[in-house]
Protein backbone atom coordinates (compact mmCIF):
# COMPACT_ATOMS: atom_id res chain seq x y z
CA MET A 1 84.07 163.02 111.33
CA LYS A 2 82.79 159.89 113.05
CA THR A 3 80.11 159.50 110.39
CA ASN A 4 82.68 159.57 107.57
CA LEU A 5 84.88 157.05 109.36
CA LYS A 6 81.95 154.66 109.85
CA LYS A 7 81.13 154.85 106.14
CA MET A 8 84.73 154.29 105.05
CA ILE A 9 85.49 151.20 107.16
CA PRO A 10 83.27 148.77 105.19
CA MET A 11 84.65 150.09 101.92
CA ALA A 12 88.23 149.69 103.15
CA VAL A 13 87.51 146.12 104.25
CA ALA A 14 86.04 145.31 100.83
CA VAL A 15 89.05 146.80 99.03
CA LEU A 16 91.48 144.81 101.21
CA GLY A 17 89.48 141.62 100.60
CA ILE A 18 89.53 142.06 96.84
CA ALA A 19 93.24 142.88 96.86
CA GLY A 20 93.92 139.78 98.97
CA ALA A 21 92.00 137.61 96.52
CA PHE A 22 94.05 138.88 93.59
CA VAL A 23 97.34 138.37 95.44
CA THR A 24 96.38 134.82 96.42
CA THR A 25 95.35 133.93 92.87
CA SER A 26 98.54 135.29 91.36
CA MET A 27 100.65 133.45 93.96
CA GLN A 28 98.90 130.17 93.13
CA LYS A 29 99.49 130.66 89.41
CA ALA A 30 103.14 131.53 89.97
CA SER A 31 103.75 128.50 92.16
CA SER A 32 101.98 126.13 89.78
CA THR A 33 104.00 127.32 86.80
CA LEU A 34 107.34 126.73 88.48
CA ILE A 35 107.15 123.03 89.26
CA PRO A 36 110.05 121.19 87.68
CA ARG A 37 109.65 117.46 87.95
CA LEU A 38 112.03 114.61 87.28
CA GLY A 39 110.85 112.23 84.59
CA TYR A 40 112.28 108.84 83.69
CA VAL A 41 112.67 106.71 80.59
CA LEU A 42 113.28 102.99 80.31
CA ASP A 43 116.83 101.70 80.20
CA GLU A 44 117.99 98.55 78.34
CA ASN A 45 116.56 96.35 81.16
CA ASP A 46 113.11 98.01 80.94
CA ASP A 47 113.69 99.70 84.29
CA CYS A 48 112.35 103.21 84.59
CA ASN A 49 115.46 104.89 85.93
CA ILE A 50 117.07 107.21 83.36
CA PRO A 51 116.33 110.72 84.71
CA VAL A 52 115.10 113.53 82.46
CA GLN A 53 114.27 117.08 83.58
CA CYS A 54 110.56 117.69 82.87
CA ASP A 55 107.77 119.97 84.03
CA THR A 56 104.08 119.84 84.92
CA ASN A 57 103.02 122.73 82.64
CA GLN A 58 101.01 121.35 79.78
CA ASN A 59 102.89 121.87 76.52
CA GLU A 60 104.93 119.39 74.46
CA ILE A 61 105.45 115.91 75.90
CA CYS A 62 108.75 115.49 77.78
CA GLN A 63 111.29 113.32 75.96
CA HIS A 64 114.82 112.08 76.45
CA THR A 65 117.42 113.18 73.90
CA ASP A 66 117.01 109.81 72.16
CA GLY A 67 113.31 110.49 71.55
CA GLN A 68 111.78 108.23 74.22
CA GLN A 69 108.90 109.73 76.17
CA ALA A 70 109.70 110.45 79.80
CA PHE A 71 107.17 109.67 82.52
CA GLY A 72 106.89 110.72 86.14
CA LYS A 73 106.59 108.18 88.92
CA ASP A 74 103.32 107.84 90.80
CA ALA A 75 102.97 107.11 94.54
CA GLN A 76 103.61 103.39 93.92
CA GLY A 77 106.79 104.09 91.93
CA ASN A 78 105.28 103.22 88.54
CA CYS A 79 106.29 105.36 85.56
CA ASN A 80 102.88 106.37 84.23
CA VAL A 81 102.50 110.11 84.95
CA THR A 82 102.53 112.24 81.80
CA LEU A 83 105.06 115.08 82.02
CA PHE A 84 105.89 117.92 79.69
CA LYS A 85 108.96 119.73 78.40
CA PRO A 86 110.35 122.33 80.78
CA SER A 87 109.41 125.88 79.87
CA ASN A 88 112.76 127.65 79.85
């Protein structure tokens, strides 16, 4: 009995490790796909402050209803981050 238990422990550890790796990978993919981000387009004064709902998933470029491309703000507040249409 003890011999069987000693042989099964390393296998059980390996199975748990592999399962944990798959769970972690799928959680990372799920969290990265669900990142809505607010984009902005220029107003009549060339200020980047008209909000548009965008996303970070790479597909079609995010645009305002008037056709202007929407950009995300970087750490300095500049509108130069490319965003994409939300995947509904």
